[in-house]
Amino acid sequence: ALGVGLTLLLACNQPRTPPEVQGEAPVL
């Protein structure tokens, strides 16, 4: 959320695999 009413969407297609504990934080 970037202030009231302004939302930045960063989208990508990725397989639905469980994230690794020490790896890069999975995208919500």
mmCIF file of all heavy atoms, coordinates in Angstrom:
data_MODEL
# 
_entry.id   MODEL 
# 
loop_
_atom_site.group_PDB 
_atom_site.id 
_atom_site.type_symbol 
_atom_site.label_atom_id 
_atom_site.label_alt_id 
_atom_site.label_comp_id 
_atom_site.label_asym_id 
_atom_site.label_entity_id 
_atom_site.label_seq_id 
_atom_site.pdbx_PDB_ins_code 
_atom_site.Cartn_x 
_atom_site.Cartn_y 
_atom_site.Cartn_z 
_atom_site.occupancy 
_atom_site.B_iso_or_equiv 
_atom_site.pdbx_formal_charge 
_atom_site.auth_seq_id 
_atom_site.auth_comp_id 
_atom_site.auth_asym_id 
_atom_site.auth_atom_id 
_atom_site.pdbx_PDB_model_num 
ATOM 1   N N   . ALA A 1 1  ? 0.846  -1.187  0.000   1.00 0.00 ? 1  ALA A N   1 
ATOM 2   C CA  . ALA A 1 1  ? 0.000  0.000   0.000   1.00 0.00 ? 1  ALA A CA  1 
ATOM 3   C C   . ALA A 1 1  ? 0.881  1.236   0.000   1.00 0.00 ? 1  ALA A C   1 
ATOM 4   O O   . ALA A 1 1  ? 1.760  1.388   0.835   1.00 0.00 ? 1  ALA A O   1 
ATOM 5   C CB  . ALA A 1 1  ? -0.897 0.009   1.233   1.00 0.00 ? 1  ALA A CB  1 
ATOM 6   N N   . LEU A 1 2  ? 0.656  2.110   -0.938  1.00 0.00 ? 2  LEU A N   1 
ATOM 7   C CA  . LEU A 1 2  ? 1.413  3.348   -1.025  1.00 0.00 ? 2  LEU A CA  1 
ATOM 8   C C   . LEU A 1 2  ? 0.454  4.504   -0.823  1.00 0.00 ? 2  LEU A C   1 
ATOM 9   O O   . LEU A 1 2  ? 0.054  5.189   -1.753  1.00 0.00 ? 2  LEU A O   1 
ATOM 10  C CB  . LEU A 1 2  ? 2.107  3.461   -2.390  1.00 0.00 ? 2  LEU A CB  1 
ATOM 11  C CG  . LEU A 1 2  ? 3.053  2.296   -2.739  1.00 0.00 ? 2  LEU A CG  1 
ATOM 12  C CD1 . LEU A 1 2  ? 3.604  2.489   -4.140  1.00 0.00 ? 2  LEU A CD1 1 
ATOM 13  C CD2 . LEU A 1 2  ? 4.188  2.233   -1.741  1.00 0.00 ? 2  LEU A CD2 1 
ATOM 14  N N   . GLY A 1 3  ? 0.042  4.706   0.429   1.00 0.00 ? 3  GLY A N   1 
ATOM 15  C CA  . GLY A 1 3  ? -0.918 5.755   0.713   1.00 0.00 ? 3  GLY A CA  1 
ATOM 16  C C   . GLY A 1 3  ? -2.326 5.276   0.445   1.00 0.00 ? 3  GLY A C   1 
ATOM 17  O O   . GLY A 1 3  ? -2.568 4.197   -0.076  1.00 0.00 ? 3  GLY A O   1 
ATOM 18  N N   . VAL A 1 4  ? -3.291 6.128   0.785   1.00 0.00 ? 4  VAL A N   1 
ATOM 19  C CA  . VAL A 1 4  ? -4.688 5.767   0.649   1.00 0.00 ? 4  VAL A CA  1 
ATOM 20  C C   . VAL A 1 4  ? -5.057 5.653   -0.818  1.00 0.00 ? 4  VAL A C   1 
ATOM 21  O O   . VAL A 1 4  ? -4.857 6.570   -1.606  1.00 0.00 ? 4  VAL A O   1 
ATOM 22  C CB  . VAL A 1 4  ? -5.570 6.810   1.338   1.00 0.00 ? 4  VAL A CB  1 
ATOM 23  C CG1 . VAL A 1 4  ? -7.030 6.447   1.182   1.00 0.00 ? 4  VAL A CG1 1 
ATOM 24  C CG2 . VAL A 1 4  ? -5.195 6.931   2.801   1.00 0.00 ? 4  VAL A CG2 1 
ATOM 25  N N   . GLY A 1 5  ? -5.566 4.497   -1.179  1.00 0.00 ? 5  GLY A N   1 
ATOM 26  C CA  . GLY A 1 5  ? -6.125 4.329   -2.512  1.00 0.00 ? 5  GLY A CA  1 
ATOM 27  C C   . GLY A 1 5  ? -5.109 4.034   -3.594  1.00 0.00 ? 5  GLY A C   1 
ATOM 28  O O   . GLY A 1 5  ? -5.472 3.883   -4.751  1.00 0.00 ? 5  GLY A O   1 
ATOM 29  N N   . LEU A 1 6  ? -3.819 3.960   -3.290  1.00 0.00 ? 6  LEU A N   1 
ATOM 30  C CA  . LEU A 1 6  ? -2.817 3.695   -4.308  1.00 0.00 ? 6  LEU A CA  1 
ATOM 31  C C   . LEU A 1 6  ? -2.136 2.394   -3.979  1.00 0.00 ? 6  LEU A C   1 
ATOM 32  O O   . LEU A 1 6  ? -1.527 2.237   -2.936  1.00 0.00 ? 6  LEU A O   1 
ATOM 33  C CB  . LEU A 1 6  ? -1.786 4.828   -4.367  1.00 0.00 ? 6  LEU A CB  1 
ATOM 34  C CG  . LEU A 1 6  ? -0.648 4.651   -5.392  1.00 0.00 ? 6  LEU A CG  1 
ATOM 35  C CD1 . LEU A 1 6  ? -1.234 4.558   -6.802  1.00 0.00 ? 6  LEU A CD1 1 
ATOM 36  C CD2 . LEU A 1 6  ? 0.320  5.823   -5.304  1.00 0.00 ? 6  LEU A CD2 1 
ATOM 37  N N   . THR A 1 7  ? -2.216 1.411   -4.868  1.00 0.00 ? 7  THR A N   1 
ATOM 38  C CA  . THR A 1 7  ? -1.661 0.093   -4.617  1.00 0.00 ? 7  THR A CA  1 
ATOM 39  C C   . THR A 1 7  ? -0.768 -0.309  -5.766  1.00 0.00 ? 7  THR A C   1 
ATOM 40  O O   . THR A 1 7  ? -1.140 -0.179  -6.935  1.00 0.00 ? 7  THR A O   1 
ATOM 41  C CB  . THR A 1 7  ? -2.783 -0.953  -4.464  1.00 0.00 ? 7  THR A CB  1 
ATOM 42  O OG1 . THR A 1 7  ? -3.629 -0.545  -3.402  1.00 0.00 ? 7  THR A OG1 1 
ATOM 43  C CG2 . THR A 1 7  ? -2.201 -2.318  -4.149  1.00 0.00 ? 7  THR A CG2 1 
ATOM 44  N N   . LEU A 1 8  ? 0.433  -0.777  -5.453  1.00 0.00 ? 8  LEU A N   1 
ATOM 45  C CA  . LEU A 1 8  ? 1.370  -1.249  -6.448  1.00 0.00 ? 8  LEU A CA  1 
ATOM 46  C C   . LEU A 1 8  ? 1.262  -2.756  -6.525  1.00 0.00 ? 8  LEU A C   1 
ATOM 47  O O   . LEU A 1 8  ? 1.422  -3.450  -5.532  1.00 0.00 ? 8  LEU A O   1 
ATOM 48  C CB  . LEU A 1 8  ? 2.802  -0.841  -6.058  1.00 0.00 ? 8  LEU A CB  1 
ATOM 49  C CG  . LEU A 1 8  ? 3.927  -1.352  -6.966  1.00 0.00 ? 8  LEU A CG  1 
ATOM 50  C CD1 . LEU A 1 8  ? 3.785  -0.760  -8.360  1.00 0.00 ? 8  LEU A CD1 1 
ATOM 51  C CD2 . LEU A 1 8  ? 5.280  -1.003  -6.365  1.00 0.00 ? 8  LEU A CD2 1 
ATOM 52  N N   . LEU A 1 9  ? 1.004  -3.294  -7.702  1.00 0.00 ? 9  LEU A N   1 
ATOM 53  C CA  . LEU A 1 9  ? 0.903  -4.731  -7.907  1.00 0.00 ? 9  LEU A CA  1 
ATOM 54  C C   . LEU A 1 9  ? 2.108  -5.196  -8.690  1.00 0.00 ? 9  LEU A C   1 
ATOM 55  O O   . LEU A 1 9  ? 2.360  -4.737  -9.795  1.00 0.00 ? 9  LEU A O   1 
ATOM 56  C CB  . LEU A 1 9  ? -0.372 -5.088  -8.683  1.00 0.00 ? 9  LEU A CB  1 
ATOM 57  C CG  . LEU A 1 9  ? -1.697 -4.673  -8.049  1.00 0.00 ? 9  LEU A CG  1 
ATOM 58  C CD1 . LEU A 1 9  ? -2.850 -5.082  -8.961  1.00 0.00 ? 9  LEU A CD1 1 
ATOM 59  C CD2 . LEU A 1 9  ? -1.851 -5.315  -6.700  1.00 0.00 ? 9  LEU A CD2 1 
ATOM 60  N N   . LEU A 1 10 ? 2.879  -6.094  -8.110  1.00 0.00 ? 10 LEU A N   1 
ATOM 61  C CA  . LEU A 1 10 ? 4.010  -6.701  -8.790  1.00 0.00 ? 10 LEU A CA  1 
ATOM 62  C C   . LEU A 1 10 ? 3.651  -8.160  -8.999  1.00 0.00 ? 10 LEU A C   1 
ATOM 63  O O   . LEU A 1 10 ? 3.628  -8.931  -8.059  1.00 0.00 ? 10 LEU A O   1 
ATOM 64  C CB  . LEU A 1 10 ? 5.274  -6.569  -7.944  1.00 0.00 ? 10 LEU A CB  1 
ATOM 65  C CG  . LEU A 1 10 ? 5.658  -5.141  -7.546  1.00 0.00 ? 10 LEU A CG  1 
ATOM 66  C CD1 . LEU A 1 10 ? 6.884  -5.170  -6.640  1.00 0.00 ? 10 LEU A CD1 1 
ATOM 67  C CD2 . LEU A 1 10 ? 5.926  -4.297  -8.771  1.00 0.00 ? 10 LEU A CD2 1 
ATOM 68  N N   . ALA A 1 11 ? 3.354  -8.521  -10.214 1.00 0.00 ? 11 ALA A N   1 
ATOM 69  C CA  . ALA A 1 11 ? 2.845  -9.863  -10.474 1.00 0.00 ? 11 ALA A CA  1 
ATOM 70  C C   . ALA A 1 11 ? 3.818  -10.675 -11.297 1.00 0.00 ? 11 ALA A C   1 
ATOM 71  O O   . ALA A 1 11 ? 4.525  -10.161 -12.165 1.00 0.00 ? 11 ALA A O   1 
ATOM 72  C CB  . ALA A 1 11 ? 1.509  -9.773  -11.219 1.00 0.00 ? 11 ALA A CB  1 
ATOM 73  N N   . CYS A 1 12 ? 3.845  -11.934 -11.033 1.00 0.00 ? 12 CYS A N   1 
ATOM 74  C CA  . CYS A 1 12 ? 4.631  -12.859 -11.835 1.00 0.00 ? 12 CYS A CA  1 
ATOM 75  C C   . CYS A 1 12 ? 3.994  -14.225 -11.709 1.00 0.00 ? 12 CYS A C   1 
ATOM 76  O O   . CYS A 1 12 ? 3.218  -14.487 -10.799 1.00 0.00 ? 12 CYS A O   1 
ATOM 77  C CB  . CYS A 1 12 ? 6.089  -12.894 -11.390 1.00 0.00 ? 12 CYS A CB  1 
ATOM 78  S SG  . CYS A 1 12 ? 6.333  -13.401 -9.682  1.00 0.00 ? 12 CYS A SG  1 
ATOM 79  N N   . ASN A 1 13 ? 4.295  -15.100 -12.631 1.00 0.00 ? 13 ASN A N   1 
ATOM 80  C CA  . ASN A 1 13 ? 3.781  -16.462 -12.571 1.00 0.00 ? 13 ASN A CA  1 
ATOM 81  C C   . ASN A 1 13 ? 4.874  -17.379 -12.056 1.00 0.00 ? 13 ASN A C   1 
ATOM 82  O O   . ASN A 1 13 ? 5.968  -17.435 -12.611 1.00 0.00 ? 13 ASN A O   1 
ATOM 83  C CB  . ASN A 1 13 ? 3.327  -16.920 -13.958 1.00 0.00 ? 13 ASN A CB  1 
ATOM 84  C CG  . ASN A 1 13 ? 2.097  -16.176 -14.422 1.00 0.00 ? 13 ASN A CG  1 
ATOM 85  O OD1 . ASN A 1 13 ? 1.202  -15.945 -13.624 1.00 0.00 ? 13 ASN A OD1 1 
ATOM 86  N ND2 . ASN A 1 13 ? 2.047  -15.796 -15.694 1.00 0.00 ? 13 ASN A ND2 1 
ATOM 87  N N   . GLN A 1 14 ? 4.556  -18.105 -10.986 1.00 0.00 ? 14 GLN A N   1 
ATOM 88  C CA  . GLN A 1 14 ? 5.506  -19.022 -10.392 1.00 0.00 ? 14 GLN A CA  1 
ATOM 89  C C   . GLN A 1 14 ? 4.760  -20.284 -9.997  1.00 0.00 ? 14 GLN A C   1 
ATOM 90  O O   . GLN A 1 14 ? 3.574  -20.240 -9.672  1.00 0.00 ? 14 GLN A O   1 
ATOM 91  C CB  . GLN A 1 14 ? 6.148  -18.413 -9.138  1.00 0.00 ? 14 GLN A CB  1 
ATOM 92  C CG  . GLN A 1 14 ? 6.915  -17.135 -9.414  1.00 0.00 ? 14 GLN A CG  1 
ATOM 93  C CD  . GLN A 1 14 ? 7.465  -16.551 -8.125  1.00 0.00 ? 14 GLN A CD  1 
ATOM 94  O OE1 . GLN A 1 14 ? 7.186  -17.058 -7.046  1.00 0.00 ? 14 GLN A OE1 1 
ATOM 95  N NE2 . GLN A 1 14 ? 8.254  -15.501 -8.241  1.00 0.00 ? 14 GLN A NE2 1 
ATOM 96  N N   . PRO A 1 15 ? 5.416  -21.423 -10.004 1.00 0.00 ? 15 PRO A N   1 
ATOM 97  C CA  . PRO A 1 15 ? 4.759  -22.654 -9.554  1.00 0.00 ? 15 PRO A CA  1 
ATOM 98  C C   . PRO A 1 15 ? 4.438  -22.583 -8.074  1.00 0.00 ? 15 PRO A C   1 
ATOM 99  O O   . PRO A 1 15 ? 5.157  -21.953 -7.301  1.00 0.00 ? 15 PRO A O   1 
ATOM 100 C CB  . PRO A 1 15 ? 5.802  -23.743 -9.852  1.00 0.00 ? 15 PRO A CB  1 
ATOM 101 C CG  . PRO A 1 15 ? 7.117  -23.004 -9.852  1.00 0.00 ? 15 PRO A CG  1 
ATOM 102 C CD  . PRO A 1 15 ? 6.807  -21.643 -10.406 1.00 0.00 ? 15 PRO A CD  1 
ATOM 103 N N   . ARG A 1 16 ? 3.358  -23.233 -7.674  1.00 0.00 ? 16 ARG A N   1 
ATOM 104 C CA  . ARG A 1 16 ? 2.936  -23.210 -6.282  1.00 0.00 ? 16 ARG A CA  1 
ATOM 105 C C   . ARG A 1 16 ? 3.690  -24.286 -5.513  1.00 0.00 ? 16 ARG A C   1 
ATOM 106 O O   . ARG A 1 16 ? 3.164  -25.357 -5.225  1.00 0.00 ? 16 ARG A O   1 
ATOM 107 C CB  . ARG A 1 16 ? 1.430  -23.401 -6.169  1.00 0.00 ? 16 ARG A CB  1 
ATOM 108 C CG  . ARG A 1 16 ? 0.646  -22.215 -6.664  1.00 0.00 ? 16 ARG A CG  1 
ATOM 109 C CD  . ARG A 1 16 ? -0.832 -22.332 -6.351  1.00 0.00 ? 16 ARG A CD  1 
ATOM 110 N NE  . ARG A 1 16 ? -1.502 -23.251 -7.263  1.00 0.00 ? 16 ARG A NE  1 
ATOM 111 C CZ  . ARG A 1 16 ? -2.001 -24.420 -6.907  1.00 0.00 ? 16 ARG A CZ  1 
ATOM 112 N NH1 . ARG A 1 16 ? -1.897 -24.841 -5.678  1.00 0.00 ? 16 ARG A NH1 1 
ATOM 113 N NH2 . ARG A 1 16 ? -2.613 -25.183 -7.776  1.00 0.00 ? 16 ARG A NH2 1 
ATOM 114 N N   . THR A 1 17 ? 4.939  -24.007 -5.173  1.00 0.00 ? 17 THR A N   1 
ATOM 115 C CA  . THR A 1 17 ? 5.742  -24.936 -4.388  1.00 0.00 ? 17 THR A CA  1 
ATOM 116 C C   . THR A 1 17 ? 6.050  -24.317 -3.049  1.00 0.00 ? 17 THR A C   1 
ATOM 117 O O   . THR A 1 17 ? 6.212  -23.100 -2.943  1.00 0.00 ? 17 THR A O   1 
ATOM 118 C CB  . THR A 1 17 ? 7.051  -25.262 -5.112  1.00 0.00 ? 17 THR A CB  1 
ATOM 119 O OG1 . THR A 1 17 ? 7.746  -24.030 -5.382  1.00 0.00 ? 17 THR A OG1 1 
ATOM 120 C CG2 . THR A 1 17 ? 6.783  -25.974 -6.419  1.00 0.00 ? 17 THR A CG2 1 
ATOM 121 N N   . PRO A 1 18 ? 6.147  -25.130 -1.987  1.00 0.00 ? 18 PRO A N   1 
ATOM 122 C CA  . PRO A 1 18 ? 6.442  -24.568 -0.669  1.00 0.00 ? 18 PRO A CA  1 
ATOM 123 C C   . PRO A 1 18 ? 7.776  -23.855 -0.668  1.00 0.00 ? 18 PRO A C   1 
ATOM 124 O O   . PRO A 1 18 ? 8.759  -24.344 -1.229  1.00 0.00 ? 18 PRO A O   1 
ATOM 125 C CB  . PRO A 1 18 ? 6.469  -25.806 0.244   1.00 0.00 ? 18 PRO A CB  1 
ATOM 126 C CG  . PRO A 1 18 ? 5.715  -26.847 -0.509  1.00 0.00 ? 18 PRO A CG  1 
ATOM 127 C CD  . PRO A 1 18 ? 5.956  -26.571 -1.953  1.00 0.00 ? 18 PRO A CD  1 
ATOM 128 N N   . PRO A 1 19 ? 7.862  -22.671 -0.065  1.00 0.00 ? 19 PRO A N   1 
ATOM 129 C CA  . PRO A 1 19 ? 9.114  -21.942 -0.011  1.00 0.00 ? 19 PRO A CA  1 
ATOM 130 C C   . PRO A 1 19 ? 10.121 -22.626 0.900   1.00 0.00 ? 19 PRO A C   1 
ATOM 131 O O   . PRO A 1 19 ? 9.770  -23.341 1.837   1.00 0.00 ? 19 PRO A O   1 
ATOM 132 C CB  . PRO A 1 19 ? 8.705  -20.579 0.565   1.00 0.00 ? 19 PRO A CB  1 
ATOM 133 C CG  . PRO A 1 19 ? 7.465  -20.866 1.319   1.00 0.00 ? 19 PRO A CG  1 
ATOM 134 C CD  . PRO A 1 19 ? 6.769  -21.978 0.584   1.00 0.00 ? 19 PRO A CD  1 
ATOM 135 N N   . GLU A 1 20 ? 11.383 -22.413 0.622   1.00 0.00 ? 20 GLU A N   1 
ATOM 136 C CA  . GLU A 1 20 ? 12.438 -22.953 1.464   1.00 0.00 ? 20 GLU A CA  1 
ATOM 137 C C   . GLU A 1 20 ? 12.628 -22.085 2.697   1.00 0.00 ? 20 GLU A C   1 
ATOM 138 O O   . GLU A 1 20 ? 12.428 -20.885 2.665   1.00 0.00 ? 20 GLU A O   1 
ATOM 139 C CB  . GLU A 1 20 ? 13.756 -23.024 0.676   1.00 0.00 ? 20 GLU A CB  1 
ATOM 140 C CG  . GLU A 1 20 ? 13.699 -23.955 -0.539  1.00 0.00 ? 20 GLU A CG  1 
ATOM 141 C CD  . GLU A 1 20 ? 13.451 -25.385 -0.143  1.00 0.00 ? 20 GLU A CD  1 
ATOM 142 O OE1 . GLU A 1 20 ? 13.903 -25.788 0.947   1.00 0.00 ? 20 GLU A OE1 1 
ATOM 143 O OE2 . GLU A 1 20 ? 12.809 -26.111 -0.918  1.00 0.00 ? 20 GLU A OE2 1 
ATOM 144 N N   . VAL A 1 21 ? 13.066 -22.696 3.781   1.00 0.00 ? 21 VAL A N   1 
ATOM 145 C CA  . VAL A 1 21 ? 13.231 -21.973 5.032   1.00 0.00 ? 21 VAL A CA  1 
ATOM 146 C C   . VAL A 1 21 ? 14.280 -20.887 4.908   1.00 0.00 ? 21 VAL A C   1 
ATOM 147 O O   . VAL A 1 21 ? 14.092 -19.753 5.313   1.00 0.00 ? 21 VAL A O   1 
ATOM 148 C CB  . VAL A 1 21 ? 13.615 -22.935 6.161   1.00 0.00 ? 21 VAL A CB  1 
ATOM 149 C CG1 . VAL A 1 21 ? 13.826 -22.175 7.457   1.00 0.00 ? 21 VAL A CG1 1 
ATOM 150 C CG2 . VAL A 1 21 ? 12.554 -23.994 6.335   1.00 0.00 ? 21 VAL A CG2 1 
ATOM 151 N N   . GLN A 1 22 ? 15.446 -21.216 4.331   1.00 0.00 ? 22 GLN A N   1 
ATOM 152 C CA  . GLN A 1 22 ? 16.539 -20.267 4.258   1.00 0.00 ? 22 GLN A CA  1 
ATOM 153 C C   . GLN A 1 22 ? 16.600 -19.558 2.908   1.00 0.00 ? 22 GLN A C   1 
ATOM 154 O O   . GLN A 1 22 ? 17.472 -18.743 2.680   1.00 0.00 ? 22 GLN A O   1 
ATOM 155 C CB  . GLN A 1 22 ? 17.875 -20.996 4.517   1.00 0.00 ? 22 GLN A CB  1 
ATOM 156 C CG  . GLN A 1 22 ? 17.939 -21.685 5.881   1.00 0.00 ? 22 GLN A CG  1 
ATOM 157 C CD  . GLN A 1 22 ? 17.836 -20.710 7.009   1.00 0.00 ? 22 GLN A CD  1 
ATOM 158 O OE1 . GLN A 1 22 ? 18.221 -19.552 6.904   1.00 0.00 ? 22 GLN A OE1 1 
ATOM 159 N NE2 . GLN A 1 22 ? 17.295 -21.159 8.137   1.00 0.00 ? 22 GLN A NE2 1 
ATOM 160 N N   . GLY A 1 23 ? 15.708 -19.880 2.010   1.00 0.00 ? 23 GLY A N   1 
ATOM 161 C CA  . GLY A 1 23 ? 15.757 -19.277 0.688   1.00 0.00 ? 23 GLY A CA  1 
ATOM 162 C C   . GLY A 1 23 ? 15.131 -17.908 0.657   1.00 0.00 ? 23 GLY A C   1 
ATOM 163 O O   . GLY A 1 23 ? 14.779 -17.316 1.674   1.00 0.00 ? 23 GLY A O   1 
ATOM 164 N N   . GLU A 1 24 ? 14.960 -17.397 -0.542  1.00 0.00 ? 24 GLU A N   1 
ATOM 165 C CA  . GLU A 1 24 ? 14.351 -16.090 -0.715  1.00 0.00 ? 24 GLU A CA  1 
ATOM 166 C C   . GLU A 1 24 ? 12.917 -16.123 -0.215  1.00 0.00 ? 24 GLU A C   1 
ATOM 167 O O   . GLU A 1 24 ? 12.198 -17.095 -0.420  1.00 0.00 ? 24 GLU A O   1 
ATOM 168 C CB  . GLU A 1 24 ? 14.382 -15.708 -2.195  1.00 0.00 ? 24 GLU A CB  1 
ATOM 169 C CG  . GLU A 1 24 ? 13.798 -14.343 -2.485  1.00 0.00 ? 24 GLU A CG  1 
ATOM 170 C CD  . GLU A 1 24 ? 13.862 -14.004 -3.956  1.00 0.00 ? 24 GLU A CD  1 
ATOM 171 O OE1 . GLU A 1 24 ? 14.447 -14.795 -4.708  1.00 0.00 ? 24 GLU A OE1 1 
ATOM 172 O OE2 . GLU A 1 24 ? 13.312 -12.964 -4.336  1.00 0.00 ? 24 GLU A OE2 1 
ATOM 173 N N   . ALA A 1 25 ? 12.515 -15.065 0.456   1.00 0.00 ? 25 ALA A N   1 
ATOM 174 C CA  . ALA A 1 25 ? 11.156 -15.024 1.004   1.00 0.00 ? 25 ALA A CA  1 
ATOM 175 C C   . ALA A 1 25 ? 10.143 -15.181 -0.118  1.00 0.00 ? 25 ALA A C   1 
ATOM 176 O O   . ALA A 1 25 ? 10.199 -14.477 -1.115  1.00 0.00 ? 25 ALA A O   1 
ATOM 177 C CB  . ALA A 1 25 ? 10.931 -13.703 1.732   1.00 0.00 ? 25 ALA A CB  1 
ATOM 178 N N   . PRO A 1 26 ? 9.204  -16.121 0.003   1.00 0.00 ? 26 PRO A N   1 
ATOM 179 C CA  . PRO A 1 26 ? 8.207  -16.307 -1.049  1.00 0.00 ? 26 PRO A CA  1 
ATOM 180 C C   . PRO A 1 26 ? 7.310  -15.089 -1.156  1.00 0.00 ? 26 PRO A C   1 
ATOM 181 O O   . PRO A 1 26 ? 7.059  -14.389 -0.191  1.00 0.00 ? 26 PRO A O   1 
ATOM 182 C CB  . PRO A 1 26 ? 7.416  -17.532 -0.559  1.00 0.00 ? 26 PRO A CB  1 
ATOM 183 C CG  . PRO A 1 26 ? 7.625  -17.547 0.914   1.00 0.00 ? 26 PRO A CG  1 
ATOM 184 C CD  . PRO A 1 26 ? 8.995  -16.999 1.145   1.00 0.00 ? 26 PRO A CD  1 
ATOM 185 N N   . VAL A 1 27 ? 6.836  -14.855 -2.360  1.00 0.00 ? 27 VAL A N   1 
ATOM 186 C CA  . VAL A 1 27 ? 5.984  -13.700 -2.602  1.00 0.00 ? 27 VAL A CA  1 
ATOM 187 C C   . VAL A 1 27 ? 4.561  -14.017 -2.180  1.00 0.00 ? 27 VAL A C   1 
ATOM 188 O O   . VAL A 1 27 ? 4.035  -15.077 -2.491  1.00 0.00 ? 27 VAL A O   1 
ATOM 189 C CB  . VAL A 1 27 ? 6.033  -13.311 -4.091  1.00 0.00 ? 27 VAL A CB  1 
ATOM 190 C CG1 . VAL A 1 27 ? 5.085  -12.164 -4.377  1.00 0.00 ? 27 VAL A CG1 1 
ATOM 191 C CG2 . VAL A 1 27 ? 7.452  -12.934 -4.498  1.00 0.00 ? 27 VAL A CG2 1 
ATOM 192 N N   . LEU A 1 28 ? 3.959  -13.128 -1.455  1.00 0.00 ? 28 LEU A N   1 
ATOM 193 C CA  . LEU A 1 28 ? 2.591  -13.332 -0.999  1.00 0.00 ? 28 LEU A CA  1 
ATOM 194 C C   . LEU A 1 28 ? 1.640  -13.381 -2.171  1.00 0.00 ? 28 LEU A C   1 
ATOM 195 O O   . LEU A 1 28 ? 1.665  -12.520 -3.048  1.00 0.00 ? 28 LEU A O   1 
ATOM 196 C CB  . LEU A 1 28 ? 2.184  -12.192 -0.062  1.00 0.00 ? 28 LEU A CB  1 
ATOM 197 C CG  . LEU A 1 28 ? 0.749  -12.227 0.423   1.00 0.00 ? 28 LEU A CG  1 
ATOM 198 C CD1 . LEU A 1 28 ? 0.549  -13.394 1.356   1.00 0.00 ? 28 LEU A CD1 1 
ATOM 199 C CD2 . LEU A 1 28 ? 0.397  -10.936 1.111   1.00 0.00 ? 28 LEU A CD2 1 
# 
